[in-house]
Amino acid sequence: MGPIFPTIYLGRRESRVEEEEEEEEEEEEEEEEEEEEEEEEEEEEEEEEEEEEEEEEEEEEEEEEEEEEEEEEEEEEEVEEVEEEEKEEEKEKGGGGKGG
């Protein structure tokens, strides 16, 4: 019975080593999973930031277009006002000459 005890002891020791190796492997896998999750989160954040930037750029472009349209409308209104004033002046000149 003497030789049985060392084999049992060795068996326990081997199982402990195996358990430790399994634990280390599990820890490594967990770390890898955590790293992957972090990378995915970073990628998602970058994508969100890019989308926000694109939206901001689009909004800015829309605002600029609106401002340009408003300026064009104002210029057109000014041109129309000037044309109307010129027509009225011509009428006054022409009307005064005919009546006088």
N, C-alpha and C. Protein backbone atom coordinates (compact mmCIF):
# COMPACT_ATOMS: atom_id res chain seq x y z
N MET A 1 0.82 -1.19 0.00
CA MET A 1 0.00 0.00 0.00
C MET A 1 0.86 1.25 0.00
N GLY A 2 2.09 1.12 0.26
CA GLY A 2 2.97 2.27 0.27
C GLY A 2 3.02 3.00 -1.05
N PRO A 3 3.14 2.29 -2.18
CA PRO A 3 3.26 2.99 -3.45
C PRO A 3 1.97 3.67 -3.89
N ILE A 4 0.83 3.31 -3.37
CA ILE A 4 -0.44 3.92 -3.77
C ILE A 4 -0.47 5.39 -3.35
N PHE A 5 -0.01 5.69 -2.16
CA PHE A 5 -0.07 7.06 -1.66
C PHE A 5 0.68 8.06 -2.56
N PRO A 6 1.91 7.73 -2.97
CA PRO A 6 2.57 8.69 -3.87
C PRO A 6 1.83 8.89 -5.19
N THR A 7 1.25 7.85 -5.76
CA THR A 7 0.51 8.03 -7.01
C THR A 7 -0.73 8.87 -6.78
N ILE A 8 -1.41 8.67 -5.67
CA ILE A 8 -2.59 9.50 -5.36
C ILE A 8 -2.14 10.94 -5.20
N TYR A 9 -1.05 11.14 -4.46
CA TYR A 9 -0.53 12.48 -4.25
C TYR A 9 -0.14 13.10 -5.59
N LEU A 10 0.57 12.33 -6.40
CA LEU A 10 0.97 12.84 -7.71
C LEU A 10 -0.26 13.13 -8.57
N GLY A 11 -1.27 12.26 -8.49
CA GLY A 11 -2.50 12.48 -9.24
C GLY A 11 -3.17 13.77 -8.81
N ARG A 12 -3.20 14.01 -7.50
CA ARG A 12 -3.80 15.26 -7.01
C ARG A 12 -2.98 16.46 -7.50
N ARG A 13 -1.68 16.30 -7.43
CA ARG A 13 -0.82 17.40 -7.87
C ARG A 13 -1.03 17.67 -9.36
N GLU A 14 -1.10 16.63 -10.15
CA GLU A 14 -1.33 16.79 -11.58
C GLU A 14 -2.67 17.46 -11.83
N SER A 15 -3.68 17.03 -11.09
CA SER A 15 -5.00 17.65 -11.29
C SER A 15 -4.96 19.11 -10.88
N ARG A 16 -4.19 19.44 -9.84
CA ARG A 16 -4.07 20.85 -9.45
C ARG A 16 -3.40 21.65 -10.57
N VAL A 17 -2.36 21.11 -11.13
CA VAL A 17 -1.65 21.78 -12.23
C VAL A 17 -2.61 21.96 -13.40
N GLU A 18 -3.37 20.92 -13.71
CA GLU A 18 -4.32 21.02 -14.80
C GLU A 18 -5.37 22.08 -14.51
N GLU A 19 -5.86 22.10 -13.26
CA GLU A 19 -6.85 23.12 -12.88
C GLU A 19 -6.27 24.52 -13.04
N GLU A 20 -5.02 24.68 -12.58
CA GLU A 20 -4.38 25.99 -12.70
C GLU A 20 -4.23 26.39 -14.17
N GLU A 21 -3.84 25.42 -14.99
CA GLU A 21 -3.69 25.71 -16.42
C GLU A 21 -5.03 26.09 -17.03
N GLU A 22 -6.08 25.35 -16.65
CA GLU A 22 -7.41 25.66 -17.16
C GLU A 22 -7.84 27.05 -16.72
N GLU A 23 -7.56 27.36 -15.43
CA GLU A 23 -7.92 28.69 -14.93
C GLU A 23 -7.17 29.77 -15.71
N GLU A 24 -5.89 29.54 -15.95
CA GLU A 24 -5.10 30.51 -16.71
C GLU A 24 -5.67 30.68 -18.12
N GLU A 25 -6.02 29.56 -18.75
CA GLU A 25 -6.60 29.63 -20.09
C GLU A 25 -7.91 30.41 -20.06
N GLU A 26 -8.75 30.13 -19.05
CA GLU A 26 -10.02 30.84 -18.94
C GLU A 26 -9.79 32.33 -18.74
N GLU A 27 -8.81 32.65 -17.88
CA GLU A 27 -8.50 34.06 -17.65
C GLU A 27 -8.03 34.72 -18.95
N GLU A 28 -7.19 34.03 -19.69
CA GLU A 28 -6.70 34.58 -20.96
C GLU A 28 -7.85 34.78 -21.93
N GLU A 29 -8.75 33.80 -21.99
CA GLU A 29 -9.91 33.93 -22.87
C GLU A 29 -10.77 35.11 -22.45
N GLU A 30 -10.98 35.26 -21.14
CA GLU A 30 -11.78 36.38 -20.65
C GLU A 30 -11.12 37.70 -21.02
N GLU A 31 -9.80 37.76 -20.85
CA GLU A 31 -9.08 38.98 -21.20
C GLU A 31 -9.22 39.29 -22.69
N GLU A 32 -9.09 38.25 -23.51
CA GLU A 32 -9.24 38.45 -24.95
C GLU A 32 -10.64 38.94 -25.28
N GLU A 33 -11.64 38.34 -24.63
CA GLU A 33 -13.03 38.77 -24.88
C GLU A 33 -13.22 40.22 -24.46
N GLU A 34 -12.65 40.57 -23.31
CA GLU A 34 -12.76 41.96 -22.84
C GLU A 34 -12.11 42.91 -23.84
N GLU A 35 -10.93 42.52 -24.33
CA GLU A 35 -10.22 43.36 -25.30
C GLU A 35 -11.05 43.51 -26.57
N GLU A 36 -11.64 42.40 -27.02
CA GLU A 36 -12.48 42.47 -28.21
C GLU A 36 -13.67 43.39 -27.99
N GLU A 37 -14.29 43.26 -26.81
CA GLU A 37 -15.44 44.12 -26.50
C GLU A 37 -15.02 45.58 -26.48
N GLU A 38 -13.87 45.86 -25.87
CA GLU A 38 -13.38 47.23 -25.83
C GLU A 38 -13.13 47.76 -27.24
N GLU A 39 -12.53 46.92 -28.08
CA GLU A 39 -12.27 47.34 -29.46
C GLU A 39 -13.58 47.62 -30.18
N GLU A 40 -14.57 46.75 -29.98
CA GLU A 40 -15.87 46.96 -30.63
C GLU A 40 -16.50 48.26 -30.13
N GLU A 41 -16.41 48.49 -28.82
CA GLU A 41 -16.97 49.73 -28.28
C GLU A 41 -16.28 50.94 -28.88
N GLU A 42 -14.96 50.87 -28.98
CA GLU A 42 -14.20 51.99 -29.56
C GLU A 42 -14.62 52.22 -31.00
N GLU A 43 -14.77 51.12 -31.75
CA GLU A 43 -15.19 51.25 -33.14
C GLU A 43 -16.57 51.88 -33.23
N GLU A 44 -17.48 51.45 -32.35
CA GLU A 44 -18.83 52.01 -32.36
C GLU A 44 -18.78 53.50 -32.03
N GLU A 45 -17.97 53.86 -31.04
CA GLU A 45 -17.84 55.27 -30.67
C GLU A 45 -17.30 56.07 -31.85
N GLU A 46 -16.29 55.53 -32.52
CA GLU A 46 -15.72 56.23 -33.67
C GLU A 46 -16.77 56.41 -34.76
N GLU A 47 -17.54 55.35 -35.00
CA GLU A 47 -18.59 55.44 -36.02
C GLU A 47 -19.61 56.50 -35.63
N GLU A 48 -20.00 56.51 -34.35
CA GLU A 48 -20.98 57.50 -33.89
C GLU A 48 -20.41 58.91 -34.07
N GLU A 49 -19.14 59.08 -33.72
CA GLU A 49 -18.52 60.40 -33.87
C GLU A 49 -18.51 60.81 -35.34
N GLU A 50 -18.17 59.88 -36.22
CA GLU A 50 -18.14 60.19 -37.65
C GLU A 50 -19.54 60.57 -38.13
N GLU A 51 -20.54 59.83 -37.67
CA GLU A 51 -21.92 60.14 -38.08
C GLU A 51 -22.31 61.52 -37.58
N GLU A 52 -21.96 61.83 -36.33
CA GLU A 52 -22.27 63.15 -35.78
C GLU A 52 -21.59 64.24 -36.60
N GLU A 53 -20.33 64.01 -36.95
CA GLU A 53 -19.60 65.01 -37.73
C GLU A 53 -20.26 65.20 -39.09
N GLU A 54 -20.65 64.08 -39.70
CA GLU A 54 -21.31 64.17 -41.00
C GLU A 54 -22.62 64.94 -40.88
N GLU A 55 -23.39 64.65 -39.82
CA GLU A 55 -24.65 65.35 -39.62
C GLU A 55 -24.40 66.84 -39.43
N GLU A 56 -23.38 67.17 -38.63
CA GLU A 56 -23.06 68.58 -38.40
C GLU A 56 -22.68 69.25 -39.72
N GLU A 57 -21.86 68.57 -40.51
CA GLU A 57 -21.46 69.14 -41.80
C GLU A 57 -22.67 69.35 -42.69
N GLU A 58 -23.57 68.37 -42.71
CA GLU A 58 -24.78 68.50 -43.53
C GLU A 58 -25.61 69.68 -43.05
N GLU A 59 -25.75 69.81 -41.73
CA GLU A 59 -26.53 70.92 -41.18
C GLU A 59 -25.89 72.25 -41.58
N GLU A 60 -24.56 72.31 -41.46
CA GLU A 60 -23.86 73.54 -41.83
C GLU A 60 -24.09 73.86 -43.30
N GLU A 61 -24.00 72.84 -44.14
CA GLU A 61 -24.20 73.05 -45.57
C GLU A 61 -25.63 73.54 -45.83
N GLU A 62 -26.59 72.93 -45.15
CA GLU A 62 -27.98 73.35 -45.33
C GLU A 62 -28.16 74.80 -44.89
N GLU A 63 -27.55 75.14 -43.74
CA GLU A 63 -27.64 76.52 -43.27
C GLU A 63 -27.02 77.48 -44.28
N GLU A 64 -25.87 77.11 -44.80
CA GLU A 64 -25.21 77.97 -45.79
C GLU A 64 -26.09 78.12 -47.03
N GLU A 65 -26.68 77.03 -47.47
CA GLU A 65 -27.56 77.09 -48.65
C GLU A 65 -28.75 77.99 -48.36
N GLU A 66 -29.33 77.85 -47.16
CA GLU A 66 -30.47 78.69 -46.80
C GLU A 66 -30.06 80.16 -46.79
N GLU A 67 -28.88 80.43 -46.21
CA GLU A 67 -28.41 81.81 -46.16
C GLU A 67 -28.20 82.35 -47.57
N GLU A 68 -27.63 81.53 -48.44
CA GLU A 68 -27.41 81.97 -49.82
C GLU A 68 -28.74 82.24 -50.51
N GLU A 69 -29.70 81.35 -50.29
CA GLU A 69 -31.02 81.55 -50.89
C GLU A 69 -31.66 82.84 -50.38
N GLU A 70 -31.54 83.06 -49.07
CA GLU A 70 -32.11 84.29 -48.50
C GLU A 70 -31.44 85.52 -49.12
N GLU A 71 -30.11 85.46 -49.24
CA GLU A 71 -29.39 86.59 -49.82
C GLU A 71 -29.84 86.82 -51.26
N GLU A 72 -29.98 85.72 -52.01
CA GLU A 72 -30.43 85.86 -53.39
C GLU A 72 -31.82 86.47 -53.45
N GLU A 73 -32.70 86.00 -52.56
CA GLU A 73 -34.07 86.55 -52.54
C GLU A 73 -34.04 88.02 -52.19
N GLU A 74 -33.21 88.40 -51.23
CA GLU A 74 -33.11 89.80 -50.85
C GLU A 74 -32.60 90.63 -52.04
N GLU A 75 -31.59 90.11 -52.73
CA GLU A 75 -31.06 90.83 -53.89
C GLU A 75 -32.14 90.98 -54.96
N GLU A 76 -32.89 89.89 -55.19
CA GLU A 76 -33.94 89.96 -56.19
C GLU A 76 -35.00 91.00 -55.78
N GLU A 77 -35.35 91.01 -54.49
CA GLU A 77 -36.33 91.98 -54.02
C GLU A 77 -35.80 93.40 -54.21
N GLU A 78 -34.51 93.61 -53.90
CA GLU A 78 -33.93 94.93 -54.08
C GLU A 78 -33.97 95.33 -55.55
N VAL A 79 -33.62 94.40 -56.43
CA VAL A 79 -33.64 94.68 -57.87
C VAL A 79 -35.06 95.04 -58.30
N GLU A 80 -36.05 94.27 -57.81
CA GLU A 80 -37.44 94.54 -58.17
C GLU A 80 -37.86 95.92 -57.66
N GLU A 81 -37.46 96.25 -56.44
CA GLU A 81 -37.81 97.56 -55.89
C GLU A 81 -37.20 98.68 -56.73
N VAL A 82 -35.93 98.51 -57.09
CA VAL A 82 -35.26 99.52 -57.90
C VAL A 82 -35.97 99.65 -59.25
N GLU A 83 -36.33 98.53 -59.86
CA GLU A 83 -37.03 98.56 -61.15
C GLU A 83 -38.38 99.26 -61.01
N GLU A 84 -39.09 98.98 -59.93
CA GLU A 84 -40.40 99.62 -59.72
C GLU A 84 -40.23 101.12 -59.54
N GLU A 85 -39.20 101.50 -58.78
CA GLU A 85 -38.96 102.93 -58.57
C GLU A 85 -38.63 103.60 -59.91
N GLU A 86 -37.83 102.94 -60.72
CA GLU A 86 -37.48 103.51 -62.02
C GLU A 86 -38.72 103.64 -62.90
N LYS A 87 -39.60 102.65 -62.87
CA LYS A 87 -40.83 102.71 -63.65
C LYS A 87 -41.70 103.87 -63.16
N GLU A 88 -41.79 104.02 -61.86
CA GLU A 88 -42.60 105.12 -61.32
C GLU A 88 -42.02 106.46 -61.73
N GLU A 89 -40.69 106.58 -61.68
CA GLU A 89 -40.06 107.83 -62.08
C GLU A 89 -40.34 108.12 -63.56
N GLU A 90 -40.29 107.09 -64.38
CA GLU A 90 -40.56 107.26 -65.80
C GLU A 90 -42.00 107.68 -66.01
N LYS A 91 -42.91 107.07 -65.24
CA LYS A 91 -44.32 107.43 -65.36
C LYS A 91 -44.51 108.89 -64.98
N GLU A 92 -43.85 109.28 -63.89
CA GLU A 92 -44.00 110.66 -63.44
C GLU A 92 -43.45 111.63 -64.50
N LYS A 93 -42.30 111.29 -65.05
CA LYS A 93 -41.72 112.15 -66.08
C LYS A 93 -42.61 112.14 -67.32
N GLY A 94 -42.99 110.92 -67.73
CA GLY A 94 -43.81 110.81 -68.92
C GLY A 94 -45.19 111.41 -68.68
N GLY A 95 -45.77 111.19 -67.54
CA GLY A 95 -47.11 111.70 -67.23
C GLY A 95 -47.09 113.22 -67.11
N GLY A 96 -46.03 113.78 -66.55
CA GLY A 96 -45.93 115.23 -66.41
C GLY A 96 -45.77 115.90 -67.75
N GLY A 97 -45.07 115.28 -68.66
CA GLY A 97 -44.85 115.84 -69.99
C GLY A 97 -46.13 115.80 -70.80
N LYS A 98 -46.92 114.76 -70.67
CA LYS A 98 -48.14 114.65 -71.46
C LYS A 98 -49.19 115.62 -70.93
N GLY A 99 -49.23 115.67 -69.60
CA GLY A 99 -50.27 116.53 -69.01
C GLY A 99 -49.93 118.00 -69.19
N GLY A 100 -48.65 118.34 -69.28
CA GLY A 100 -48.26 119.74 -69.31
C GLY A 100 -48.17 120.28 -70.64
